[in-house]
C-alpha atoms as a PDB file:
ATOM      1  CA  MET A   1      16.998   7.681  -1.053  1.00  0.00           C
ATOM      2  CA  THR A   2      13.821   7.047   0.882  1.00  0.00           C
ATOM      3  CA  SER A   3      11.116   7.176  -1.778  1.00  0.00           C
ATOM      4  CA  ILE A   4      10.674   7.361  -5.512  1.00  0.00           C
ATOM      5  CA  TYR A   5      10.243  11.119  -5.142  1.00  0.00           C
ATOM      6  CA  ASP A   6      13.989  11.416  -4.676  1.00  0.00           C
ATOM      7  CA  PHE A   7      14.619  10.347  -8.290  1.00  0.00           C
ATOM      8  CA  THR A   8      14.503  12.024 -11.657  1.00  0.00           C
ATOM      9  CA  ALA A   9      14.064  10.432 -15.068  1.00  0.00           C
ATOM     10  CA  ARG A  10      14.334  11.742 -18.603  1.00  0.00           C
ATOM     11  CA  ASP A  11      10.963  11.721 -20.355  1.00  0.00           C
ATOM     12  CA  ILE A  12      10.478  10.406 -23.886  1.00  0.00           C
ATOM     13  CA  ASP A  13      11.219  13.915 -25.225  1.00  0.00           C
ATOM     14  CA  GLY A  14      14.553  14.056 -23.391  1.00  0.00           C
ATOM     15  CA  VAL A  15      13.514  16.407 -20.593  1.00  0.00           C
ATOM     16  CA  GLU A  16      14.717  15.477 -17.092  1.00  0.00           C
ATOM     17  CA  ARG A  17      11.651  15.159 -14.856  1.00  0.00           C
ATOM     18  CA  PRO A  18      11.596  14.952 -11.063  1.00  0.00           C
ATOM     19  CA  LEU A  19       9.389  12.110  -9.889  1.00  0.00           C
ATOM     20  CA  SER A  20       8.430  14.406  -7.023  1.00  0.00           C
ATOM     21  CA  ALA A  21       5.999  15.905  -9.555  1.00  0.00           C
ATOM     22  CA  TYR A  22       3.890  12.782  -8.868  1.00  0.00           C
ATOM     23  CA  ARG A  23       3.884  13.265  -5.090  1.00  0.00           C
ATOM     24  CA  GLY A  24       0.506  12.301  -3.620  1.00  0.00           C
ATOM     25  CA  LYS A  25      -0.447  10.096  -6.564  1.00  0.00           C
ATOM     26  CA  VAL A  26      -0.678   6.333  -6.832  1.00  0.00           C
ATOM     27  CA  LEU A  27       1.753   5.173  -9.514  1.00  0.00           C
ATOM     28  CA  LEU A  28       2.046   2.068 -11.625  1.00  0.00           C
ATOM     29  CA  ILE A  29       5.601   1.976 -12.983  1.00  0.00           C
ATOM     30  CA  VAL A  30       6.146  -0.437 -15.875  1.00  0.00           C
ATOM     31  CA  ASN A  31       9.124  -1.354 -18.064  1.00  0.00           C
ATOM     32  CA  THR A  32       7.759  -1.644 -21.583  1.00  0.00           C
ATOM     33  CA  ALA A  33       8.728  -2.827 -25.065  1.00  0.00           C
ATOM     34  CA  SER A  34       7.125  -2.483 -28.484  1.00  0.00           C
ATOM     35  CA  GLN A  35       8.024  -5.902 -29.889  1.00  0.00           C
ATOM     36  CA  CYS A  36       7.283  -8.146 -26.919  1.00  0.00           C
ATOM     37  CA  GLY A  37       4.716 -10.883 -26.483  1.00  0.00           C
ATOM     38  CA  PHE A  38       3.266  -8.698 -23.709  1.00  0.00           C
ATOM     39  CA  THR A  39       3.097  -5.514 -25.818  1.00  0.00           C
ATOM     40  CA  TYR A  40      -0.695  -5.902 -25.982  1.00  0.00           C
ATOM     41  CA  GLN A  41      -0.651  -4.828 -22.313  1.00  0.00           C
ATOM     42  CA  TYR A  42      -0.268  -1.226 -23.481  1.00  0.00           C
ATOM     43  CA  LYS A  43      -4.028  -1.366 -24.113  1.00  0.00           C
ATOM     44  CA  GLY A  44      -4.768  -2.445 -20.530  1.00  0.00           C
ATOM     45  CA  LEU A  45      -2.288   0.047 -19.077  1.00  0.00           C
ATOM     46  CA  GLU A  46      -3.945   2.863 -21.001  1.00  0.00           C
ATOM     47  CA  ALA A  47      -7.363   1.669 -19.812  1.00  0.00           C
ATOM     48  CA  LEU A  48      -6.153   1.777 -16.189  1.00  0.00           C
ATOM     49  CA  HIS A  49      -4.701   5.222 -16.768  1.00  0.00           C
ATOM     50  CA  ARG A  50      -7.977   6.552 -18.126  1.00  0.00           C
ATOM     51  CA  LYS A  51     -10.122   4.798 -15.526  1.00  0.00           C
ATOM     52  CA  TYR A  52      -8.193   6.059 -12.511  1.00  0.00           C
ATOM     53  CA  ALA A  53      -6.599   9.334 -13.633  1.00  0.00           C
ATOM     54  CA  ASP A  54      -9.306  11.419 -11.962  1.00  0.00           C
ATOM     55  CA  LYS A  55      -8.649   9.518  -8.709  1.00  0.00           C
ATOM     56  CA  GLY A  56      -4.954  10.392  -8.726  1.00  0.00           C
ATOM     57  CA  VAL A  57      -3.433   7.342 -10.430  1.00  0.00           C
ATOM     58  CA  GLU A  58      -0.655   7.649 -13.016  1.00  0.00           C
ATOM     59  CA  VAL A  59       0.855   4.927 -15.179  1.00  0.00           C
ATOM     60  CA  LEU A  60       4.505   5.612 -16.026  1.00  0.00           C
ATOM     61  CA  GLY A  61       6.082   3.670 -18.909  1.00  0.00           C
ATOM     62  CA  PHE A  62       9.822   3.066 -19.107  1.00  0.00           C
ATOM     63  CA  PRO A  63      10.843   1.488 -22.433  1.00  0.00           C
ATOM     64  CA  CYS A  64      13.652  -1.060 -22.115  1.00  0.00           C
ATOM     65  CA  ASN A  65      15.648  -2.969 -24.728  1.00  0.00           C
ATOM     66  CA  GLN A  66      17.355  -5.427 -22.357  1.00  0.00           C
ATOM     67  CA  PHE A  67      15.077  -8.409 -22.980  1.00  0.00           C
ATOM     68  CA  GLY A  68      15.404  -9.953 -26.416  1.00  0.00           C
ATOM     69  CA  LYS A  69      16.145  -6.508 -27.889  1.00  0.00           C
ATOM     70  CA  GLN A  70      12.381  -5.984 -28.066  1.00  0.00           C
ATOM     71  CA  GLU A  71      12.545  -2.178 -27.882  1.00  0.00           C
ATOM     72  CA  PRO A  72      15.009  -1.277 -30.644  1.00  0.00           C
ATOM     73  CA  GLY A  73      13.408   2.033 -31.647  1.00  0.00           C
ATOM     74  CA  ASN A  74      14.466   5.548 -30.799  1.00  0.00           C
ATOM     75  CA  ALA A  75      12.306   7.888 -28.723  1.00  0.00           C
ATOM     76  CA  GLU A  76      10.299   9.178 -31.692  1.00  0.00           C
ATOM     77  CA  GLU A  77       9.620   5.657 -32.978  1.00  0.00           C
ATOM     78  CA  ILE A  78       8.527   4.505 -29.515  1.00  0.00           C
ATOM     79  CA  LYS A  79       6.186   7.492 -29.100  1.00  0.00           C
ATOM     80  CA  ASN A  80       4.659   6.956 -32.525  1.00  0.00           C
ATOM     81  CA  PHE A  81       4.217   3.223 -31.997  1.00  0.00           C
ATOM     82  CA  CYS A  82       2.481   3.713 -28.650  1.00  0.00           C
ATOM     83  CA  SER A  83       0.278   6.517 -29.926  1.00  0.00           C
ATOM     84  CA  LEU A  84      -0.735   4.964 -33.236  1.00  0.00           C
ATOM     85  CA  ASN A  85      -1.219   1.383 -32.030  1.00  0.00           C
ATOM     86  CA  TYR A  86      -2.506   1.822 -28.468  1.00  0.00           C
ATOM     87  CA  ASP A  87      -3.519   5.495 -28.166  1.00  0.00           C
ATOM     88  CA  VAL A  88      -1.189   5.787 -25.167  1.00  0.00           C
ATOM     89  CA  THR A  89      -1.634   9.044 -23.263  1.00  0.00           C
ATOM     90  CA  PHE A  90       0.138   8.087 -20.029  1.00  0.00           C
ATOM     91  CA  PRO A  91       3.675   9.451 -19.551  1.00  0.00           C
ATOM     92  CA  LEU A  92       6.467   7.631 -21.330  1.00  0.00           C
ATOM     93  CA  PHE A  93      10.083   8.049 -20.377  1.00  0.00           C
ATOM     94  CA  ALA A  94      13.345   7.612 -22.256  1.00  0.00           C
ATOM     95  CA  LYS A  95      14.572   4.100 -22.893  1.00  0.00           C
ATOM     96  CA  ILE A  96      16.519   2.784 -19.898  1.00  0.00           C
ATOM     97  CA  ASP A  97      18.227  -0.298 -18.536  1.00  0.00           C
ATOM     98  CA  VAL A  98      16.424  -1.899 -15.611  1.00  0.00           C
ATOM     99  CA  ASN A  99      19.139  -4.425 -14.690  1.00  0.00           C
ATOM    100  CA  GLY A 100      22.900  -4.509 -14.480  1.00  0.00           C
ATOM    101  CA  PRO A 101      25.582  -1.881 -13.987  1.00  0.00           C
ATOM    102  CA  ASN A 102      23.768   0.690 -16.161  1.00  0.00           C
ATOM    103  CA  ALA A 103      20.360   0.193 -14.546  1.00  0.00           C
ATOM    104  CA  HIS A 104      18.500   3.414 -13.941  1.00  0.00           C
ATOM    105  CA  PRO A 105      18.760   4.321 -10.226  1.00  0.00           C
ATOM    106  CA  LEU A 106      14.953   4.270  -9.965  1.00  0.00           C
ATOM    107  CA  TYR A 107      14.867   0.608 -10.965  1.00  0.00           C
ATOM    108  CA  ASP A 108      17.720  -0.229  -8.642  1.00  0.00           C
ATOM    109  CA  TYR A 109      15.625   1.292  -5.861  1.00  0.00           C
ATOM    110  CA  LEU A 110      12.389  -0.422  -6.933  1.00  0.00           C
ATOM    111  CA  THR A 111      13.972  -3.862  -7.069  1.00  0.00           C
ATOM    112  CA  LYS A 112      15.640  -3.377  -3.693  1.00  0.00           C
ATOM    113  CA  GLN A 113      12.254  -2.481  -2.197  1.00  0.00           C
ATOM    114  CA  LYS A 114      10.354  -5.344  -3.828  1.00  0.00           C
ATOM    115  CA  GLY A 115      12.453  -8.245  -5.029  1.00  0.00           C
ATOM    116  CA  GLY A 116      11.293 -10.870  -7.452  1.00  0.00           C
ATOM    117  CA  GLY A 117      10.748 -13.628  -4.895  1.00  0.00           C
ATOM    118  CA  LEU A 118      12.428 -16.911  -5.718  1.00  0.00           C
ATOM    119  CA  MET A 119      13.741 -15.425  -8.928  1.00  0.00           C
ATOM    120  CA  GLY A 120      15.870 -12.797  -7.160  1.00  0.00           C
ATOM    121  CA  ARG A 121      15.448  -9.065  -7.185  1.00  0.00           C
ATOM    122  CA  GLY A 122      16.257  -8.328 -10.835  1.00  0.00           C
ATOM    123  CA  ILE A 123      13.661  -7.639 -13.505  1.00  0.00           C
ATOM    124  CA  LYS A 124      13.067 -10.831 -15.489  1.00  0.00           C
ATOM    125  CA  TRP A 125      11.220  -9.463 -18.526  1.00  0.00           C
ATOM    126  CA  ASN A 126       9.306  -6.572 -20.041  1.00  0.00           C
ATOM    127  CA  PHE A 127       6.064  -5.384 -18.431  1.00  0.00           C
ATOM    128  CA  THR A 128       7.084  -5.964 -14.824  1.00  0.00           C
ATOM    129  CA  LYS A 129       4.917  -3.605 -12.782  1.00  0.00           C
ATOM    130  CA  PHE A 130       5.456  -1.753  -9.498  1.00  0.00           C
ATOM    131  CA  LEU A 131       2.583  -0.209  -7.550  1.00  0.00           C
ATOM    132  CA  ILE A 132       3.594   2.877  -5.589  1.00  0.00           C
ATOM    133  CA  GLY A 133       1.525   4.410  -2.802  1.00  0.00           C
ATOM    134  CA  ARG A 134       0.689   8.093  -2.455  1.00  0.00           C
ATOM    135  CA  ASP A 135       3.552   8.465   0.017  1.00  0.00           C
ATOM    136  CA  GLY A 136       6.110   7.174  -2.505  1.00  0.00           C
ATOM    137  CA  THR A 137       6.585   3.735  -0.973  1.00  0.00           C
ATOM    138  CA  VAL A 138       6.704   0.620  -3.116  1.00  0.00           C
ATOM    139  CA  ILE A 139       3.616  -1.406  -2.223  1.00  0.00           C
ATOM    140  CA  ALA A 140       3.663  -4.310  -4.661  1.00  0.00           C
ATOM    141  CA  ARG A 141       5.464  -5.846  -7.589  1.00  0.00           C
ATOM    142  CA  PHE A 142       3.678  -7.748 -10.348  1.00  0.00           C
ATOM    143  CA  PRO A 143       5.241 -10.057 -12.945  1.00  0.00           C
ATOM    144  CA  PRO A 144       4.918  -9.504 -16.694  1.00  0.00           C
ATOM    145  CA  THR A 145       2.179 -12.132 -16.810  1.00  0.00           C
ATOM    146  CA  ALA A 146      -0.053 -10.008 -14.533  1.00  0.00           C
ATOM    147  CA  LYS A 147      -2.449  -8.331 -16.928  1.00  0.00           C
ATOM    148  CA  PRO A 148      -3.197  -4.663 -16.185  1.00  0.00           C
ATOM    149  CA  GLU A 149      -6.944  -5.318 -16.003  1.00  0.00           C
ATOM    150  CA  ALA A 150      -6.272  -7.759 -13.151  1.00  0.00           C
ATOM    151  CA  LEU A 151      -4.733  -4.980 -11.027  1.00  0.00           C
ATOM    152  CA  ASP A 152      -7.985  -3.137 -10.322  1.00  0.00           C
ATOM    153  CA  ARG A 153      -8.396  -4.643  -6.849  1.00  0.00           C
ATOM    154  CA  GLU A 154      -4.852  -3.702  -5.834  1.00  0.00           C
ATOM    155  CA  ILE A 155      -5.207  -0.162  -7.163  1.00  0.00           C
ATOM    156  CA  GLU A 156      -8.574   0.275  -5.428  1.00  0.00           C
ATOM    157  CA  ARG A 157      -7.051  -0.963  -2.182  1.00  0.00           C
ATOM    158  CA  VAL A 158      -4.317   1.683  -2.367  1.00  0.00           C
ATOM    159  CA  LEU A 159      -6.732   4.474  -3.240  1.00  0.00           C
END
């Protein structure tokens, strides 16, 4: 695999989607959770999505229940939570693992491209973010503590 475009992922409705559908776009890929201390970041992620959508930026949310079991809901519950509480319109995908033997291949690829520095390559918590260039290469990785609104400069640089 040479870029994220070589992967597919099941969307929140259970439909397998090729990530090649996002070819030529700047992506912000985020593992999310509905009951996390960082859940408020849905608001900032949606703001980024709306601000940059017309410039070819997509936010892609991947719910994950691996950290403190903070995403216990099923697909319908996750969709409803995100819609009702944060008016999320960016694409959400099916709940996945981001670490370990059952990690989604996309996340295995992302963490191999951009490790977590001194903490190793694995994902440490919900709302870890990966910025992907228009050519499908992984440009940057941001920790959960990086607020979406603080990513404007990085997104502008990639545009």
